[in-house]
Amino acid sequence: MKIKDGFELINRSGVYVVECRNKSSDGPANAITLTETAVFLWNLLKEKDVTKTEMLGALIDNFEISTVLALSDIDIFVRTMKENGIIE
C-alpha cells in the first residue's frame, strides 16, 4: 500500500489533516484528521509501498503500543484511506 499522488498532510496548529491538492473549487474541501499513530503510518506509506506486517512492526518499534491496539489502529487507518481513495 502507498499514498496516491495528489494528497498531502498539513499541520494546522498542531492538528494534522489530509487534503486533496486536486480538489474542485466548486465545493467545500474535505479533510481527514489524523491521530499521532495515523500520521506515523501516513509518513511510512508516503515514503514507499508498505505491507500491513511492516506497518505493525514499525508501530510497535516506535510507540509503546500493544499488538492488538496497533492492529486496530492500522485497520482503521487503512479502511479510512481506502474509503476516501487515498491509498492504492
PDB file of N, CA and C in Angstrom:
ATOM      1  N   MET A   1       0.843  -1.181   0.000  1.00  0.00           N
ATOM      2  CA  MET A   1       0.000   0.000   0.000  1.00  0.00           C
ATOM      3  C   MET A   1       0.883   1.236   0.000  1.00  0.00           C
ATOM      4  N   LYS A   2       0.390   2.264  -0.651  1.00  0.00           N
ATOM      5  CA  LYS A   2       1.069   3.554  -0.586  1.00  0.00           C
ATOM      6  C   LYS A   2       0.076   4.669  -0.869  1.00  0.00           C
ATOM      7  N   ILE A   3       0.448   5.876  -0.472  1.00  0.00           N
ATOM      8  CA  ILE A   3      -0.393   7.058  -0.659  1.00  0.00           C
ATOM      9  C   ILE A   3      -0.376   7.446  -2.140  1.00  0.00           C
ATOM     10  N   LYS A   4      -1.552   7.703  -2.685  1.00  0.00           N
ATOM     11  CA  LYS A   4      -1.659   8.155  -4.074  1.00  0.00           C
ATOM     12  C   LYS A   4      -1.155   9.593  -4.182  1.00  0.00           C
ATOM     13  N   ASP A   5      -0.693   9.940  -5.360  1.00  0.00           N
ATOM     14  CA  ASP A   5      -0.303  11.324  -5.638  1.00  0.00           C
ATOM     15  C   ASP A   5      -1.522  12.225  -5.523  1.00  0.00           C
ATOM     16  N   GLY A   6      -1.298  13.466  -5.147  1.00  0.00           N
ATOM     17  CA  GLY A   6      -2.382  14.437  -5.078  1.00  0.00           C
ATOM     18  C   GLY A   6      -2.910  14.674  -3.677  1.00  0.00           C
ATOM     19  N   PHE A   7      -2.400  13.925  -2.692  1.00  0.00           N
ATOM     20  CA  PHE A   7      -2.833  14.114  -1.308  1.00  0.00           C
ATOM     21  C   PHE A   7      -1.660  14.587  -0.471  1.00  0.00           C
ATOM     22  N   GLU A   8      -1.944  15.467   0.474  1.00  0.00           N
ATOM     23  CA  GLU A   8      -0.873  15.963   1.328  1.00  0.00           C
ATOM     24  C   GLU A   8      -1.323  16.048   2.780  1.00  0.00           C
ATOM     25  N   LEU A   9      -0.349  15.922   3.671  1.00  0.00           N
ATOM     26  CA  LEU A   9      -0.568  16.032   5.110  1.00  0.00           C
ATOM     27  C   LEU A   9      -0.200  17.443   5.522  1.00  0.00           C
ATOM     28  N   ILE A  10      -1.133  18.117   6.198  1.00  0.00           N
ATOM     29  CA  ILE A  10      -0.945  19.511   6.596  1.00  0.00           C
ATOM     30  C   ILE A  10      -1.087  19.623   8.110  1.00  0.00           C
ATOM     31  N   ASN A  11      -0.191  20.382   8.732  1.00  0.00           N
ATOM     32  CA  ASN A  11      -0.265  20.654  10.168  1.00  0.00           C
ATOM     33  C   ASN A  11      -0.966  21.994  10.352  1.00  0.00           C
ATOM     34  N   ARG A  12      -2.142  21.942  10.946  1.00  0.00           N
ATOM     35  CA  ARG A  12      -2.912  23.162  11.220  1.00  0.00           C
ATOM     36  C   ARG A  12      -2.968  23.375  12.724  1.00  0.00           C
ATOM     37  N   SER A  13      -2.050  24.172  13.218  1.00  0.00           N
ATOM     38  CA  SER A  13      -1.981  24.483  14.647  1.00  0.00           C
ATOM     39  C   SER A  13      -1.932  23.216  15.505  1.00  0.00           C
ATOM     40  N   GLY A  14      -1.084  22.269  15.100  1.00  0.00           N
ATOM     41  CA  GLY A  14      -0.903  21.045  15.859  1.00  0.00           C
ATOM     42  C   GLY A  14      -1.875  19.929  15.518  1.00  0.00           C
ATOM     43  N   VAL A  15      -2.805  20.173  14.612  1.00  0.00           N
ATOM     44  CA  VAL A  15      -3.756  19.146  14.172  1.00  0.00           C
ATOM     45  C   VAL A  15      -3.385  18.760  12.739  1.00  0.00           C
ATOM     46  N   TYR A  16      -3.135  17.474  12.526  1.00  0.00           N
ATOM     47  CA  TYR A  16      -2.747  17.001  11.203  1.00  0.00           C
ATOM     48  C   TYR A  16      -3.968  16.569  10.412  1.00  0.00           C
ATOM     49  N   VAL A  17      -4.075  17.086   9.199  1.00  0.00           N
ATOM     50  CA  VAL A  17      -5.186  16.743   8.311  1.00  0.00           C
ATOM     51  C   VAL A  17      -4.648  16.375   6.931  1.00  0.00           C
ATOM     52  N   VAL A  18      -5.372  15.495   6.262  1.00  0.00           N
ATOM     53  CA  VAL A  18      -5.047  15.102   4.892  1.00  0.00           C
ATOM     54  C   VAL A  18      -6.004  15.842   3.976  1.00  0.00           C
ATOM     55  N   GLU A  19      -5.440  16.466   2.955  1.00  0.00           N
ATOM     56  CA  GLU A  19      -6.261  17.169   1.980  1.00  0.00           C
ATOM     57  C   GLU A  19      -5.858  16.747   0.580  1.00  0.00           C
ATOM     58  N   CYS A  20      -6.807  16.848  -0.324  1.00  0.00           N
ATOM     59  CA  CYS A  20      -6.561  16.582  -1.726  1.00  0.00           C
ATOM     60  C   CYS A  20      -6.119  17.878  -2.392  1.00  0.00           C
ATOM     61  N   ARG A  21      -4.946  17.862  -3.008  1.00  0.00           N
ATOM     62  CA  ARG A  21      -4.444  19.060  -3.683  1.00  0.00           C
ATOM     63  C   ARG A  21      -5.195  19.332  -4.971  1.00  0.00           C
ATOM     64  N   ASN A  22      -5.879  18.321  -5.509  1.00  0.00           N
ATOM     65  CA  ASN A  22      -6.575  18.457  -6.786  1.00  0.00           C
ATOM     66  C   ASN A  22      -8.072  18.679  -6.610  1.00  0.00           C
ATOM     67  N   LYS A  23      -8.477  19.191  -5.453  1.00  0.00           N
ATOM     68  CA  LYS A  23      -9.910  19.346  -5.171  1.00  0.00           C
ATOM     69  C   LYS A  23     -10.560  20.370  -6.102  1.00  0.00           C
ATOM     70  N   SER A  24     -11.811  20.165  -6.359  1.00  0.00           N
ATOM     71  CA  SER A  24     -12.575  21.079  -7.194  1.00  0.00           C
ATOM     72  C   SER A  24     -12.904  22.335  -6.400  1.00  0.00           C
ATOM     73  N   SER A  25     -12.919  23.457  -7.050  1.00  0.00           N
ATOM     74  CA  SER A  25     -13.253  24.707  -6.356  1.00  0.00           C
ATOM     75  C   SER A  25     -14.763  24.882  -6.218  1.00  0.00           C
ATOM     76  N   ASP A  26     -15.542  23.919  -6.752  1.00  0.00           N
ATOM     77  CA  ASP A  26     -16.999  24.028  -6.715  1.00  0.00           C
ATOM     78  C   ASP A  26     -17.606  23.729  -5.348  1.00  0.00           C
ATOM     79  N   GLY A  27     -16.874  22.978  -4.498  1.00  0.00           N
ATOM     80  CA  GLY A  27     -17.453  22.574  -3.220  1.00  0.00           C
ATOM     81  C   GLY A  27     -16.477  22.763  -2.088  1.00  0.00           C
ATOM     82  N   PRO A  28     -16.931  22.464  -0.863  1.00  0.00           N
ATOM     83  CA  PRO A  28     -16.050  22.605   0.283  1.00  0.00           C
ATOM     84  C   PRO A  28     -14.933  21.574   0.241  1.00  0.00           C
ATOM     85  N   ALA A  29     -13.780  21.924   0.798  1.00  0.00           N
ATOM     86  CA  ALA A  29     -12.649  20.999   0.858  1.00  0.00           C
ATOM     87  C   ALA A  29     -12.908  19.945   1.925  1.00  0.00           C
ATOM     88  N   ASN A  30     -12.703  18.699   1.577  1.00  0.00           N
ATOM     89  CA  ASN A  30     -12.818  17.618   2.547  1.00  0.00           C
ATOM     90  C   ASN A  30     -11.459  17.379   3.168  1.00  0.00           C
ATOM     91  N   ALA A  31     -11.425  17.220   4.478  1.00  0.00           N
ATOM     92  CA  ALA A  31     -10.180  16.955   5.173  1.00  0.00           C
ATOM     93  C   ALA A  31     -10.403  15.836   6.168  1.00  0.00           C
ATOM     94  N   ILE A  32      -9.388  15.010   6.357  1.00  0.00           N
ATOM     95  CA  ILE A  32      -9.432  13.920   7.314  1.00  0.00           C
ATOM     96  C   ILE A  32      -8.408  14.229   8.390  1.00  0.00           C
ATOM     97  N   THR A  33      -8.825  14.248   9.644  1.00  0.00           N
ATOM     98  CA  THR A  33      -7.932  14.493  10.765  1.00  0.00           C
ATOM     99  C   THR A  33      -7.259  13.192  11.170  1.00  0.00           C
ATOM    100  N   LEU A  34      -5.939  13.244  11.399  1.00  0.00           N
ATOM    101  CA  LEU A  34      -5.184  12.050  11.748  1.00  0.00           C
ATOM    102  C   LEU A  34      -4.676  12.100  13.189  1.00  0.00           C
ATOM    103  N   THR A  35      -4.660  10.930  13.820  1.00  0.00           N
ATOM    104  CA  THR A  35      -4.065  10.777  15.149  1.00  0.00           C
ATOM    105  C   THR A  35      -2.544  10.695  14.997  1.00  0.00           C
ATOM    106  N   GLU A  36      -1.852  10.646  16.121  1.00  0.00           N
ATOM    107  CA  GLU A  36      -0.392  10.550  16.094  1.00  0.00           C
ATOM    108  C   GLU A  36       0.076   9.275  15.380  1.00  0.00           C
ATOM    109  N   THR A  37      -0.566   8.147  15.673  1.00  0.00           N
ATOM    110  CA  THR A  37      -0.175   6.907  15.002  1.00  0.00           C
ATOM    111  C   THR A  37      -0.551   6.929  13.520  1.00  0.00           C
ATOM    112  N   ALA A  38      -1.660   7.568  13.188  1.00  0.00           N
ATOM    113  CA  ALA A  38      -2.061   7.678  11.782  1.00  0.00           C
ATOM    114  C   ALA A  38      -1.073   8.549  11.004  1.00  0.00           C
ATOM    115  N   VAL A  39      -0.573   9.617  11.627  1.00  0.00           N
ATOM    116  CA  VAL A  39       0.444  10.460  10.981  1.00  0.00           C
ATOM    117  C   VAL A  39       1.704   9.630  10.721  1.00  0.00           C
ATOM    118  N   PHE A  40       2.079   8.822  11.694  1.00  0.00           N
ATOM    119  CA  PHE A  40       3.242   7.950  11.540  1.00  0.00           C
ATOM    120  C   PHE A  40       3.033   6.992  10.368  1.00  0.00           C
ATOM    121  N   LEU A  41       1.857   6.354  10.304  1.00  0.00           N
ATOM    122  CA  LEU A  41       1.558   5.439   9.202  1.00  0.00           C
ATOM    123  C   LEU A  41       1.537   6.172   7.867  1.00  0.00           C
ATOM    124  N   TRP A  42       0.961   7.373   7.851  1.00  0.00           N
ATOM    125  CA  TRP A  42       0.934   8.192   6.629  1.00  0.00           C
ATOM    126  C   TRP A  42       2.354   8.388   6.103  1.00  0.00           C
ATOM    127  N   ASN A  43       3.263   8.764   7.004  1.00  0.00           N
ATOM    128  CA  ASN A  43       4.641   9.022   6.590  1.00  0.00           C
ATOM    129  C   ASN A  43       5.319   7.754   6.074  1.00  0.00           C
ATOM    130  N   LEU A  44       5.000   6.609   6.655  1.00  0.00           N
ATOM    131  CA  LEU A  44       5.531   5.335   6.141  1.00  0.00           C
ATOM    132  C   LEU A  44       5.054   5.095   4.715  1.00  0.00           C
ATOM    133  N   LEU A  45       3.763   5.260   4.484  1.00  0.00           N
ATOM    134  CA  LEU A  45       3.177   4.982   3.173  1.00  0.00           C
ATOM    135  C   LEU A  45       3.536   6.034   2.136  1.00  0.00           C
ATOM    136  N   LYS A  46       3.888   7.214   2.576  1.00  0.00           N
ATOM    137  CA  LYS A  46       4.285   8.271   1.641  1.00  0.00           C
ATOM    138  C   LYS A  46       5.685   7.981   1.086  1.00  0.00           C
ATOM    139  N   GLU A  47       6.512   7.314   1.910  1.00  0.00           N
ATOM    140  CA  GLU A  47       7.885   7.026   1.510  1.00  0.00           C
ATOM    141  C   GLU A  47       7.988   5.883   0.508  1.00  0.00           C
ATOM    142  N   LYS A  48       7.178   4.816   0.723  1.00  0.00           N
ATOM    143  CA  LYS A  48       7.299   3.632  -0.127  1.00  0.00           C
ATOM    144  C   LYS A  48       6.070   2.757   0.019  1.00  0.00           C
ATOM    145  N   ASP A  49       6.010   1.717  -0.790  1.00  0.00           N
ATOM    146  CA  ASP A  49       4.941   0.726  -0.726  1.00  0.00           C
ATOM    147  C   ASP A  49       5.199  -0.150   0.501  1.00  0.00           C
ATOM    148  N   VAL A  50       4.236  -0.218   1.425  1.00  0.00           N
ATOM    149  CA  VAL A  50       4.418  -0.897   2.710  1.00  0.00           C
ATOM    150  C   VAL A  50       3.305  -1.913   2.924  1.00  0.00           C
ATOM    151  N   THR A  51       3.648  -3.066   3.505  1.00  0.00           N
ATOM    152  CA  THR A  51       2.653  -4.081   3.835  1.00  0.00           C
ATOM    153  C   THR A  51       2.097  -3.831   5.238  1.00  0.00           C
ATOM    154  N   LYS A  52       1.003  -4.491   5.549  1.00  0.00           N
ATOM    155  CA  LYS A  52       0.405  -4.386   6.877  1.00  0.00           C
ATOM    156  C   LYS A  52       1.375  -4.899   7.946  1.00  0.00           C
ATOM    157  N   THR A  53       2.101  -5.953   7.636  1.00  0.00           N
ATOM    158  CA  THR A  53       3.077  -6.512   8.571  1.00  0.00           C
ATOM    159  C   THR A  53       4.192  -5.505   8.852  1.00  0.00           C
ATOM    160  N   GLU A  54       4.638  -4.793   7.828  1.00  0.00           N
ATOM    161  CA  GLU A  54       5.670  -3.766   8.013  1.00  0.00           C
ATOM    162  C   GLU A  54       5.138  -2.602   8.841  1.00  0.00           C
ATOM    163  N   MET A  55       3.878  -2.234   8.612  1.00  0.00           N
ATOM    164  CA  MET A  55       3.271  -1.166   9.417  1.00  0.00           C
ATOM    165  C   MET A  55       3.211  -1.574  10.882  1.00  0.00           C
ATOM    166  N   LEU A  56       2.809  -2.823  11.137  1.00  0.00           N
ATOM    167  CA  LEU A  56       2.715  -3.332  12.505  1.00  0.00           C
ATOM    168  C   LEU A  56       4.069  -3.281  13.191  1.00  0.00           C
ATOM    169  N   GLY A  57       5.092  -3.778  12.535  1.00  0.00           N
ATOM    170  CA  GLY A  57       6.433  -3.757  13.117  1.00  0.00           C
ATOM    171  C   GLY A  57       6.912  -2.349  13.414  1.00  0.00           C
ATOM    172  N   ALA A  58       6.670  -1.439  12.500  1.00  0.00           N
ATOM    173  CA  ALA A  58       7.099  -0.050  12.690  1.00  0.00           C
ATOM    174  C   ALA A  58       6.367   0.610  13.860  1.00  0.00           C
ATOM    175  N   LEU A  59       5.050   0.369  13.982  1.00  0.00           N
ATOM    176  CA  LEU A  59       4.298   0.946  15.106  1.00  0.00           C
ATOM    177  C   LEU A  59       4.818   0.415  16.436  1.00  0.00           C
ATOM    178  N   ILE A  60       5.024  -0.892  16.512  1.00  0.00           N
ATOM    179  CA  ILE A  60       5.490  -1.498  17.759  1.00  0.00           C
ATOM    180  C   ILE A  60       6.895  -1.009  18.115  1.00  0.00           C
ATOM    181  N   ASP A  61       7.749  -0.823  17.105  1.00  0.00           N
ATOM    182  CA  ASP A  61       9.115  -0.351  17.344  1.00  0.00           C
ATOM    183  C   ASP A  61       9.161   1.111  17.778  1.00  0.00           C
ATOM    184  N   ASN A  62       8.185   1.914  17.373  1.00  0.00           N
ATOM    185  CA  ASN A  62       8.249   3.359  17.606  1.00  0.00           C
ATOM    186  C   ASN A  62       7.281   3.890  18.657  1.00  0.00           C
ATOM    187  N   PHE A  63       6.329   3.077  19.102  1.00  0.00           N
ATOM    188  CA  PHE A  63       5.353   3.505  20.098  1.00  0.00           C
ATOM    189  C   PHE A  63       5.246   2.441  21.185  1.00  0.00           C
ATOM    190  N   GLU A  64       4.909   2.862  22.364  1.00  0.00           N
ATOM    191  CA  GLU A  64       4.604   1.905  23.432  1.00  0.00           C
ATOM    192  C   GLU A  64       3.149   1.499  23.234  1.00  0.00           C
ATOM    193  N   ILE A  65       2.952   0.468  22.420  1.00  0.00           N
ATOM    194  CA  ILE A  65       1.618   0.075  21.991  1.00  0.00           C
ATOM    195  C   ILE A  65       1.563  -1.453  21.897  1.00  0.00           C
ATOM    196  N   SER A  66       0.427  -2.012  22.265  1.00  0.00           N
ATOM    197  CA  SER A  66       0.263  -3.462  22.172  1.00  0.00           C
ATOM    198  C   SER A  66       0.001  -3.857  20.724  1.00  0.00           C
ATOM    199  N   THR A  67       0.237  -5.109  20.434  1.00  0.00           N
ATOM    200  CA  THR A  67      -0.022  -5.621  19.092  1.00  0.00           C
ATOM    201  C   THR A  67      -1.492  -5.465  18.727  1.00  0.00           C
ATOM    202  N   VAL A  68      -2.377  -5.742  19.682  1.00  0.00           N
ATOM    203  CA  VAL A  68      -3.821  -5.649  19.426  1.00  0.00           C
ATOM    204  C   VAL A  68      -4.211  -4.212  19.085  1.00  0.00           C
ATOM    205  N   LEU A  69      -3.729  -3.250  19.863  1.00  0.00           N
ATOM    206  CA  LEU A  69      -4.054  -1.844  19.599  1.00  0.00           C
ATOM    207  C   LEU A  69      -3.425  -1.379  18.292  1.00  0.00           C
ATOM    208  N   ALA A  70      -2.194  -1.809  18.024  1.00  0.00           N
ATOM    209  CA  ALA A  70      -1.526  -1.424  16.779  1.00  0.00           C
ATOM    210  C   ALA A  70      -2.298  -1.951  15.571  1.00  0.00           C
ATOM    211  N   LEU A  71      -2.735  -3.211  15.628  1.00  0.00           N
ATOM    212  CA  LEU A  71      -3.514  -3.781  14.524  1.00  0.00           C
ATOM    213  C   LEU A  71      -4.830  -3.045  14.330  1.00  0.00           C
ATOM    214  N   SER A  72      -5.463  -2.659  15.429  1.00  0.00           N
ATOM    215  CA  SER A  72      -6.711  -1.900  15.343  1.00  0.00           C
ATOM    216  C   SER A  72      -6.465  -0.543  14.686  1.00  0.00           C
ATOM    217  N   ASP A  73      -5.404   0.146  15.110  1.00  0.00           N
ATOM    218  CA  ASP A  73      -5.067   1.443  14.509  1.00  0.00           C
ATOM    219  C   ASP A  73      -4.791   1.300  13.016  1.00  0.00           C
ATOM    220  N   ILE A  74      -4.066   0.260  12.645  1.00  0.00           N
ATOM    221  CA  ILE A  74      -3.750   0.028  11.230  1.00  0.00           C
ATOM    222  C   ILE A  74      -5.026  -0.230  10.434  1.00  0.00           C
ATOM    223  N   ASP A  75      -5.903  -1.090  10.967  1.00  0.00           N
ATOM    224  CA  ASP A  75      -7.154  -1.400  10.269  1.00  0.00           C
ATOM    225  C   ASP A  75      -8.014  -0.156  10.064  1.00  0.00           C
ATOM    226  N   ILE A  76      -8.128   0.675  11.085  1.00  0.00           N
ATOM    227  CA  ILE A  76      -8.917   1.911  10.985  1.00  0.00           C
ATOM    228  C   ILE A  76      -8.285   2.850   9.959  1.00  0.00           C
ATOM    229  N   PHE A  77      -6.968   3.006  10.028  1.00  0.00           N
ATOM    230  CA  PHE A  77      -6.255   3.881   9.100  1.00  0.00           C
ATOM    231  C   PHE A  77      -6.452   3.420   7.653  1.00  0.00           C
ATOM    232  N   VAL A  78      -6.199   2.130   7.403  1.00  0.00           N
ATOM    233  CA  VAL A  78      -6.302   1.597   6.039  1.00  0.00           C
ATOM    234  C   VAL A  78      -7.730   1.717   5.520  1.00  0.00           C
ATOM    235  N   ARG A  79      -8.713   1.366   6.353  1.00  0.00           N
ATOM    236  CA  ARG A  79     -10.116   1.459   5.921  1.00  0.00           C
ATOM    237  C   ARG A  79     -10.477   2.906   5.572  1.00  0.00           C
ATOM    238  N   THR A  80     -10.090   3.849   6.414  1.00  0.00           N
ATOM    239  CA  THR A  80     -10.402   5.264   6.169  1.00  0.00           C
ATOM    240  C   THR A  80      -9.733   5.757   4.889  1.00  0.00           C
ATOM    241  N   MET A  81      -8.487   5.389   4.695  1.00  0.00           N
ATOM    242  CA  MET A  81      -7.760   5.825   3.497  1.00  0.00           C
ATOM    243  C   MET A  81      -8.362   5.205   2.233  1.00  0.00           C
ATOM    244  N   LYS A  82      -8.737   3.923   2.303  1.00  0.00           N
ATOM    245  CA  LYS A  82      -9.349   3.268   1.134  1.00  0.00           C
ATOM    246  C   LYS A  82     -10.719   3.861   0.820  1.00  0.00           C
ATOM    247  N   GLU A  83     -11.511   4.096   1.852  1.00  0.00           N
ATOM    248  CA  GLU A  83     -12.861   4.668   1.652  1.00  0.00           C
ATOM    249  C   GLU A  83     -12.800   6.039   0.989  1.00  0.00           C
ATOM    250  N   ASN A  84     -11.705   6.747   1.206  1.00  0.00           N
ATOM    251  CA  ASN A  84     -11.555   8.090   0.647  1.00  0.00           C
ATOM    252  C   ASN A  84     -10.650   8.124  -0.578  1.00  0.00           C
ATOM    253  N   GLY A  85     -10.272   6.939  -1.081  1.00  0.00           N
ATOM    254  CA  GLY A  85      -9.477   6.861  -2.300  1.00  0.00           C
ATOM    255  C   GLY A  85      -8.073   7.422  -2.178  1.00  0.00           C
ATOM    256  N   ILE A  86      -7.489   7.315  -0.979  1.00  0.00           N
ATOM    257  CA  ILE A  86      -6.184   7.931  -0.738  1.00  0.00           C
ATOM    258  C   ILE A  86      -5.034   6.955  -0.909  1.00  0.00           C
ATOM    259  N   ILE A  87      -5.278   5.660  -0.679  1.00  0.00           N
ATOM    260  CA  ILE A  87      -4.193   4.691  -0.852  1.00  0.00           C
ATOM    261  C   ILE A  87      -4.510   3.735  -1.991  1.00  0.00           C
ATOM    262  N   GLU A  88      -3.411   3.184  -2.525  1.00  0.00           N
ATOM    263  CA  GLU A  88      -3.550   2.209  -3.614  1.00  0.00           C
ATOM    264  C   GLU A  88      -2.921   0.907  -3.205  1.00  0.00           C
TER     265      GLU A  88
END
